[in-house]
């Protein structure tokens, strides 16, 4: 059962997880560890932005860079920095949040990855969310 935070940010959390699942469907070799490292990189990026510091230089392999780009695109949608159009070309309305809220959402998903990884192994989180995100 979702807690108050998850209820408030359900759309944002689902969008972020959609970005993760998209890459997992393209690359079944992706591991929970890759997701954790990528979320850490995104959290660092958005924390630097929130503090008006330069964006950190991130050394991500190709797999993690693809994941980073996919999840960042979802974050940017929810930050109001990009537009999503439906099949007919009409704008889709998304929950718009600020950078601090995106950071909190990324941290919430990070905890979920840790939980499912510990419970079900190297792809525990990925195998869990692929069943729930369409």
N, C-alpha and C. Protein backbone atom coordinates (compact mmCIF):
# COMPACT_ATOMS: atom_id res chain seq x y z
N UNK A 1 0.84 -1.18 0.00
CA UNK A 1 0.00 0.00 0.00
C UNK A 1 0.89 1.25 0.00
N UNK A 2 0.65 2.18 -0.93
CA UNK A 2 1.49 3.37 -1.03
C UNK A 2 1.40 4.24 0.22
N UNK A 3 2.52 4.83 0.60
CA UNK A 3 2.51 5.78 1.70
C UNK A 3 2.16 7.17 1.15
N UNK A 4 2.13 8.17 2.01
CA UNK A 4 1.72 9.52 1.62
C UNK A 4 2.63 10.10 0.52
N UNK A 5 3.95 9.89 0.65
CA UNK A 5 4.89 10.39 -0.35
C UNK A 5 4.61 9.73 -1.71
N UNK A 6 4.47 8.40 -1.69
CA UNK A 6 4.24 7.67 -2.94
C UNK A 6 2.93 8.09 -3.59
N UNK A 7 1.89 8.33 -2.79
CA UNK A 7 0.62 8.78 -3.35
C UNK A 7 0.78 10.15 -4.02
N UNK A 8 1.47 11.05 -3.34
CA UNK A 8 1.64 12.41 -3.87
C UNK A 8 2.43 12.42 -5.17
N UNK A 9 3.47 11.58 -5.24
CA UNK A 9 4.38 11.60 -6.39
C UNK A 9 4.25 10.36 -7.29
N UNK A 10 3.12 9.67 -7.21
CA UNK A 10 2.93 8.42 -7.97
C UNK A 10 3.26 8.60 -9.45
N UNK A 11 2.76 9.66 -10.06
CA UNK A 11 3.00 9.87 -11.49
C UNK A 11 4.48 10.07 -11.79
N UNK A 12 5.17 10.82 -10.97
CA UNK A 12 6.60 11.07 -11.16
C UNK A 12 7.38 9.77 -10.99
N UNK A 13 7.08 9.04 -9.93
CA UNK A 13 7.77 7.77 -9.68
C UNK A 13 7.54 6.78 -10.83
N UNK A 14 6.31 6.72 -11.32
CA UNK A 14 6.01 5.82 -12.44
C UNK A 14 6.76 6.25 -13.70
N UNK A 15 6.85 7.54 -13.95
CA UNK A 15 7.58 8.01 -15.12
C UNK A 15 9.05 7.63 -15.04
N UNK A 16 9.65 7.81 -13.88
CA UNK A 16 11.05 7.45 -13.70
C UNK A 16 11.23 5.94 -13.91
N UNK A 17 10.34 5.16 -13.33
CA UNK A 17 10.45 3.71 -13.50
C UNK A 17 10.18 3.29 -14.94
N UNK A 18 9.34 4.01 -15.65
CA UNK A 18 9.14 3.73 -17.07
C UNK A 18 10.45 3.91 -17.83
N UNK A 19 11.21 4.97 -17.48
CA UNK A 19 12.51 5.19 -18.11
C UNK A 19 13.48 4.06 -17.84
N UNK A 20 13.41 3.47 -16.65
CA UNK A 20 14.27 2.33 -16.30
C UNK A 20 13.84 1.09 -17.08
N UNK A 21 12.54 0.81 -17.08
CA UNK A 21 12.02 -0.39 -17.75
C UNK A 21 12.29 -0.34 -19.25
N UNK A 22 12.19 0.84 -19.83
CA UNK A 22 12.45 1.00 -21.27
C UNK A 22 13.84 0.47 -21.62
N UNK A 23 14.83 0.83 -20.82
CA UNK A 23 16.21 0.39 -21.10
C UNK A 23 16.38 -1.09 -20.77
N UNK A 24 15.74 -1.56 -19.71
CA UNK A 24 15.83 -2.99 -19.35
C UNK A 24 15.23 -3.86 -20.45
N UNK A 25 14.17 -3.40 -21.07
CA UNK A 25 13.57 -4.17 -22.18
C UNK A 25 14.52 -4.22 -23.38
N UNK A 26 15.34 -3.19 -23.55
CA UNK A 26 16.31 -3.16 -24.64
C UNK A 26 17.57 -3.95 -24.31
N UNK A 27 17.84 -4.11 -23.00
CA UNK A 27 19.08 -4.75 -22.57
C UNK A 27 18.82 -5.59 -21.32
N UNK A 28 18.56 -6.87 -21.53
CA UNK A 28 18.24 -7.76 -20.41
C UNK A 28 19.44 -8.06 -19.52
N UNK A 29 20.63 -7.59 -19.93
CA UNK A 29 21.84 -7.78 -19.11
C UNK A 29 21.95 -6.72 -18.01
N UNK A 30 21.10 -5.71 -18.05
CA UNK A 30 21.11 -4.65 -17.05
C UNK A 30 20.90 -5.26 -15.66
N UNK A 31 21.63 -4.76 -14.69
CA UNK A 31 21.53 -5.26 -13.31
C UNK A 31 21.05 -4.14 -12.39
N UNK A 32 20.55 -4.54 -11.24
CA UNK A 32 20.13 -3.57 -10.24
C UNK A 32 21.28 -2.63 -9.89
N UNK A 33 22.50 -3.15 -9.85
CA UNK A 33 23.68 -2.34 -9.52
C UNK A 33 23.82 -1.19 -10.51
N UNK A 34 23.55 -1.47 -11.80
CA UNK A 34 23.60 -0.42 -12.82
C UNK A 34 22.57 0.67 -12.52
N UNK A 35 21.39 0.24 -12.09
CA UNK A 35 20.33 1.19 -11.76
C UNK A 35 20.76 2.05 -10.57
N UNK A 36 21.32 1.41 -9.53
CA UNK A 36 21.77 2.16 -8.35
C UNK A 36 22.83 3.19 -8.72
N UNK A 37 23.81 2.79 -9.50
CA UNK A 37 24.87 3.70 -9.90
C UNK A 37 24.34 4.86 -10.74
N UNK A 38 23.39 4.57 -11.60
CA UNK A 38 22.79 5.61 -12.44
C UNK A 38 21.95 6.56 -11.61
N UNK A 39 21.17 6.04 -10.67
CA UNK A 39 20.39 6.91 -9.80
C UNK A 39 21.31 7.80 -8.97
N UNK A 40 22.41 7.23 -8.48
CA UNK A 40 23.39 8.04 -7.74
C UNK A 40 23.90 9.19 -8.60
N UNK A 41 24.20 8.91 -9.86
CA UNK A 41 24.71 9.94 -10.78
C UNK A 41 23.65 11.03 -11.00
N UNK A 42 22.40 10.62 -11.16
CA UNK A 42 21.33 11.61 -11.36
C UNK A 42 21.11 12.45 -10.11
N UNK A 43 21.18 11.82 -8.96
CA UNK A 43 21.02 12.56 -7.71
C UNK A 43 22.14 13.60 -7.58
N UNK A 44 23.37 13.20 -7.89
CA UNK A 44 24.50 14.15 -7.85
C UNK A 44 24.27 15.31 -8.82
N UNK A 45 23.80 15.00 -10.01
CA UNK A 45 23.55 16.02 -11.03
C UNK A 45 22.52 17.02 -10.54
N UNK A 46 21.39 16.54 -10.03
CA UNK A 46 20.33 17.44 -9.60
C UNK A 46 20.67 18.16 -8.30
N UNK A 47 21.45 17.54 -7.42
CA UNK A 47 21.90 18.24 -6.21
C UNK A 47 22.82 19.41 -6.58
N UNK A 48 23.70 19.18 -7.54
CA UNK A 48 24.59 20.26 -8.00
C UNK A 48 23.75 21.40 -8.59
N UNK A 49 22.76 21.04 -9.37
CA UNK A 49 21.89 22.07 -9.95
C UNK A 49 21.17 22.85 -8.86
N UNK A 50 20.65 22.16 -7.87
CA UNK A 50 19.91 22.82 -6.78
C UNK A 50 20.81 23.77 -5.99
N UNK A 51 22.09 23.43 -5.91
CA UNK A 51 23.05 24.26 -5.17
C UNK A 51 23.75 25.27 -6.08
N UNK A 52 23.32 25.37 -7.33
CA UNK A 52 23.93 26.27 -8.32
C UNK A 52 25.42 26.00 -8.50
N UNK A 53 25.78 24.73 -8.42
CA UNK A 53 27.16 24.32 -8.69
C UNK A 53 27.23 23.75 -10.11
N UNK A 54 28.42 23.70 -10.69
CA UNK A 54 28.55 23.07 -12.02
C UNK A 54 28.15 21.61 -11.96
N UNK A 55 27.61 21.14 -13.07
CA UNK A 55 27.22 19.73 -13.15
C UNK A 55 28.46 18.85 -13.00
N UNK A 56 28.39 17.80 -12.18
CA UNK A 56 29.56 16.95 -12.00
C UNK A 56 29.89 16.18 -13.28
N UNK A 57 31.16 15.90 -13.46
CA UNK A 57 31.59 15.07 -14.59
C UNK A 57 31.33 13.62 -14.19
N UNK A 58 30.54 12.94 -14.99
CA UNK A 58 30.15 11.57 -14.67
C UNK A 58 30.82 10.61 -15.63
N UNK A 59 31.39 9.55 -15.09
CA UNK A 59 32.02 8.52 -15.92
C UNK A 59 31.11 7.30 -15.92
N UNK A 60 30.23 7.24 -16.91
CA UNK A 60 29.28 6.14 -17.01
C UNK A 60 29.60 5.30 -18.25
N UNK A 61 29.51 3.99 -18.10
CA UNK A 61 29.69 3.15 -19.28
C UNK A 61 28.46 3.33 -20.19
N UNK A 62 28.51 2.75 -21.37
CA UNK A 62 27.45 2.97 -22.36
C UNK A 62 26.08 2.54 -21.83
N UNK A 63 26.04 1.41 -21.17
CA UNK A 63 24.78 0.88 -20.62
C UNK A 63 24.19 1.85 -19.59
N UNK A 64 25.01 2.33 -18.69
CA UNK A 64 24.54 3.26 -17.65
C UNK A 64 24.23 4.63 -18.25
N UNK A 65 24.97 5.04 -19.27
CA UNK A 65 24.68 6.32 -19.93
C UNK A 65 23.31 6.27 -20.60
N UNK A 66 22.98 5.15 -21.24
CA UNK A 66 21.66 5.00 -21.86
C UNK A 66 20.56 5.07 -20.80
N UNK A 67 20.80 4.42 -19.67
CA UNK A 67 19.84 4.46 -18.57
C UNK A 67 19.73 5.88 -18.01
N UNK A 68 20.86 6.53 -17.82
CA UNK A 68 20.90 7.91 -17.34
C UNK A 68 20.06 8.81 -18.25
N UNK A 69 20.29 8.71 -19.56
CA UNK A 69 19.58 9.56 -20.52
C UNK A 69 18.07 9.30 -20.48
N UNK A 70 17.69 8.05 -20.37
CA UNK A 70 16.27 7.68 -20.34
C UNK A 70 15.58 8.22 -19.09
N UNK A 71 16.20 8.02 -17.94
CA UNK A 71 15.61 8.48 -16.69
C UNK A 71 15.63 10.00 -16.61
N UNK A 72 16.72 10.62 -17.07
CA UNK A 72 16.81 12.09 -17.08
C UNK A 72 15.70 12.67 -17.95
N UNK A 73 15.41 12.04 -19.08
CA UNK A 73 14.32 12.52 -19.95
C UNK A 73 12.99 12.51 -19.20
N UNK A 74 12.76 11.48 -18.41
CA UNK A 74 11.53 11.42 -17.62
C UNK A 74 11.52 12.50 -16.54
N UNK A 75 12.67 12.70 -15.91
CA UNK A 75 12.77 13.76 -14.89
C UNK A 75 12.51 15.13 -15.53
N UNK A 76 13.11 15.36 -16.70
CA UNK A 76 12.93 16.64 -17.39
C UNK A 76 11.47 16.89 -17.75
N UNK A 77 10.76 15.83 -18.12
CA UNK A 77 9.32 15.98 -18.39
C UNK A 77 8.61 16.49 -17.14
N UNK A 78 8.91 15.87 -16.01
CA UNK A 78 8.24 16.25 -14.77
C UNK A 78 8.75 17.57 -14.20
N UNK A 79 9.90 18.02 -14.66
CA UNK A 79 10.40 19.34 -14.27
C UNK A 79 9.84 20.43 -15.18
N UNK A 80 9.07 20.03 -16.17
CA UNK A 80 8.48 21.00 -17.10
C UNK A 80 9.46 21.50 -18.13
N UNK A 81 10.56 20.77 -18.34
CA UNK A 81 11.61 21.20 -19.27
C UNK A 81 11.44 20.60 -20.66
N UNK A 82 10.51 19.69 -20.78
CA UNK A 82 10.28 19.03 -22.06
C UNK A 82 8.78 18.77 -22.17
N UNK A 83 8.32 18.59 -23.37
CA UNK A 83 6.91 18.32 -23.59
C UNK A 83 6.74 16.92 -24.15
N UNK A 84 5.64 16.30 -23.75
CA UNK A 84 5.28 14.98 -24.24
C UNK A 84 3.99 15.13 -25.02
N UNK A 85 3.97 14.56 -26.21
CA UNK A 85 2.77 14.63 -27.03
C UNK A 85 2.14 13.25 -27.14
N UNK A 86 0.81 13.22 -27.18
CA UNK A 86 0.13 11.94 -27.36
C UNK A 86 0.18 11.56 -28.84
N UNK A 87 -0.45 10.47 -29.18
CA UNK A 87 -0.41 9.96 -30.56
C UNK A 87 -1.02 10.92 -31.58
N UNK A 88 -1.91 11.78 -31.10
CA UNK A 88 -2.55 12.75 -32.00
C UNK A 88 -1.82 14.08 -32.03
N UNK A 89 -0.73 14.19 -31.27
CA UNK A 89 0.07 15.40 -31.27
C UNK A 89 -0.33 16.43 -30.22
N UNK A 90 -1.22 16.04 -29.31
CA UNK A 90 -1.64 16.96 -28.26
C UNK A 90 -0.73 16.80 -27.04
N UNK A 91 -0.46 17.91 -26.35
CA UNK A 91 0.41 17.83 -25.16
C UNK A 91 -0.23 16.98 -24.06
N UNK A 92 0.59 16.18 -23.41
CA UNK A 92 0.15 15.37 -22.28
C UNK A 92 0.46 16.16 -21.01
N UNK A 93 -0.51 16.25 -20.13
CA UNK A 93 -0.32 16.98 -18.88
C UNK A 93 0.32 16.06 -17.85
N UNK A 94 1.45 16.48 -17.31
CA UNK A 94 2.16 15.72 -16.29
C UNK A 94 2.24 16.55 -15.02
N UNK A 95 2.48 15.86 -13.92
CA UNK A 95 2.73 16.54 -12.66
C UNK A 95 4.06 17.27 -12.78
N UNK A 96 4.06 18.57 -12.56
CA UNK A 96 5.30 19.34 -12.62
C UNK A 96 5.81 19.52 -11.20
N UNK A 97 7.08 19.18 -11.01
CA UNK A 97 7.72 19.26 -9.69
C UNK A 97 8.98 20.09 -9.81
N UNK A 98 9.59 20.38 -8.66
CA UNK A 98 10.85 21.12 -8.67
C UNK A 98 12.03 20.15 -8.49
N UNK A 99 13.23 20.67 -8.57
CA UNK A 99 14.43 19.84 -8.51
C UNK A 99 14.52 19.07 -7.19
N UNK A 100 14.20 19.73 -6.07
CA UNK A 100 14.25 19.04 -4.78
C UNK A 100 13.30 17.85 -4.74
N UNK A 101 12.13 18.00 -5.35
CA UNK A 101 11.16 16.90 -5.39
C UNK A 101 11.66 15.76 -6.28
N UNK A 102 12.30 16.10 -7.39
CA UNK A 102 12.89 15.07 -8.26
C UNK A 102 13.95 14.29 -7.48
N UNK A 103 14.78 14.99 -6.74
CA UNK A 103 15.82 14.33 -5.93
C UNK A 103 15.17 13.35 -4.95
N UNK A 104 14.11 13.79 -4.29
CA UNK A 104 13.43 12.91 -3.33
C UNK A 104 12.84 11.69 -4.03
N UNK A 105 12.29 11.87 -5.22
CA UNK A 105 11.73 10.74 -5.97
C UNK A 105 12.84 9.77 -6.38
N UNK A 106 13.97 10.29 -6.84
CA UNK A 106 15.10 9.43 -7.20
C UNK A 106 15.59 8.65 -5.99
N UNK A 107 15.64 9.30 -4.83
CA UNK A 107 16.07 8.62 -3.61
C UNK A 107 15.07 7.53 -3.21
N UNK A 108 13.78 7.80 -3.41
CA UNK A 108 12.75 6.80 -3.07
C UNK A 108 12.93 5.56 -3.95
N UNK A 109 13.16 5.76 -5.22
CA UNK A 109 13.37 4.63 -6.12
C UNK A 109 14.67 3.91 -5.77
N UNK A 110 15.69 4.65 -5.40
CA UNK A 110 16.97 4.06 -4.97
C UNK A 110 16.72 3.08 -3.82
N UNK A 111 15.91 3.50 -2.83
CA UNK A 111 15.60 2.62 -1.70
C UNK A 111 14.85 1.38 -2.16
N UNK A 112 13.97 1.54 -3.13
CA UNK A 112 13.22 0.41 -3.67
C UNK A 112 14.16 -0.57 -4.37
N UNK A 113 15.11 -0.05 -5.13
CA UNK A 113 16.09 -0.92 -5.80
C UNK A 113 16.86 -1.72 -4.75
N UNK A 114 17.31 -1.05 -3.70
CA UNK A 114 18.05 -1.73 -2.64
C UNK A 114 17.20 -2.82 -1.98
N UNK A 115 15.94 -2.52 -1.71
CA UNK A 115 15.04 -3.48 -1.07
C UNK A 115 14.85 -4.73 -1.93
N UNK A 116 14.45 -4.53 -3.19
CA UNK A 116 14.16 -5.68 -4.06
C UNK A 116 15.43 -6.44 -4.43
N UNK A 117 16.55 -5.74 -4.53
CA UNK A 117 17.82 -6.40 -4.80
C UNK A 117 18.20 -7.31 -3.65
N UNK A 118 18.07 -6.81 -2.45
CA UNK A 118 18.40 -7.60 -1.26
C UNK A 118 17.46 -8.80 -1.13
N UNK A 119 16.20 -8.60 -1.47
CA UNK A 119 15.19 -9.65 -1.34
C UNK A 119 15.30 -10.72 -2.44
N UNK A 120 15.57 -10.28 -3.69
CA UNK A 120 15.47 -11.22 -4.82
C UNK A 120 16.70 -11.28 -5.73
N UNK A 121 17.82 -10.71 -5.32
CA UNK A 121 19.04 -10.89 -6.09
C UNK A 121 19.35 -9.81 -7.10
N UNK A 122 20.33 -10.10 -7.97
CA UNK A 122 20.97 -9.13 -8.84
C UNK A 122 20.03 -8.35 -9.77
N UNK A 123 18.92 -8.94 -10.13
CA UNK A 123 17.92 -8.24 -10.95
C UNK A 123 16.57 -8.23 -10.25
N UNK A 124 16.59 -8.32 -8.93
CA UNK A 124 15.35 -8.38 -8.16
C UNK A 124 14.43 -7.20 -8.39
N UNK A 125 15.00 -6.01 -8.38
CA UNK A 125 14.21 -4.80 -8.62
C UNK A 125 13.71 -4.77 -10.06
N UNK A 126 14.60 -4.99 -10.99
CA UNK A 126 14.22 -4.92 -12.41
C UNK A 126 13.13 -5.93 -12.75
N UNK A 127 13.26 -7.14 -12.25
CA UNK A 127 12.24 -8.16 -12.51
C UNK A 127 10.93 -7.83 -11.82
N UNK A 128 10.99 -7.13 -10.69
CA UNK A 128 9.77 -6.71 -10.01
C UNK A 128 9.07 -5.61 -10.81
N UNK A 129 9.79 -4.56 -11.20
CA UNK A 129 9.09 -3.44 -11.84
C UNK A 129 8.65 -3.74 -13.26
N UNK A 130 9.36 -4.64 -13.94
CA UNK A 130 8.94 -4.93 -15.33
C UNK A 130 7.54 -5.56 -15.36
N UNK A 131 7.15 -6.16 -14.24
CA UNK A 131 5.81 -6.74 -14.15
C UNK A 131 4.75 -5.67 -13.85
N UNK A 132 5.17 -4.51 -13.36
CA UNK A 132 4.22 -3.49 -12.91
C UNK A 132 4.20 -2.22 -13.76
N UNK A 133 5.18 -2.04 -14.61
CA UNK A 133 5.27 -0.83 -15.44
C UNK A 133 5.02 -1.22 -16.89
N UNK A 134 4.06 -0.54 -17.49
CA UNK A 134 3.70 -0.86 -18.89
C UNK A 134 3.93 0.32 -19.79
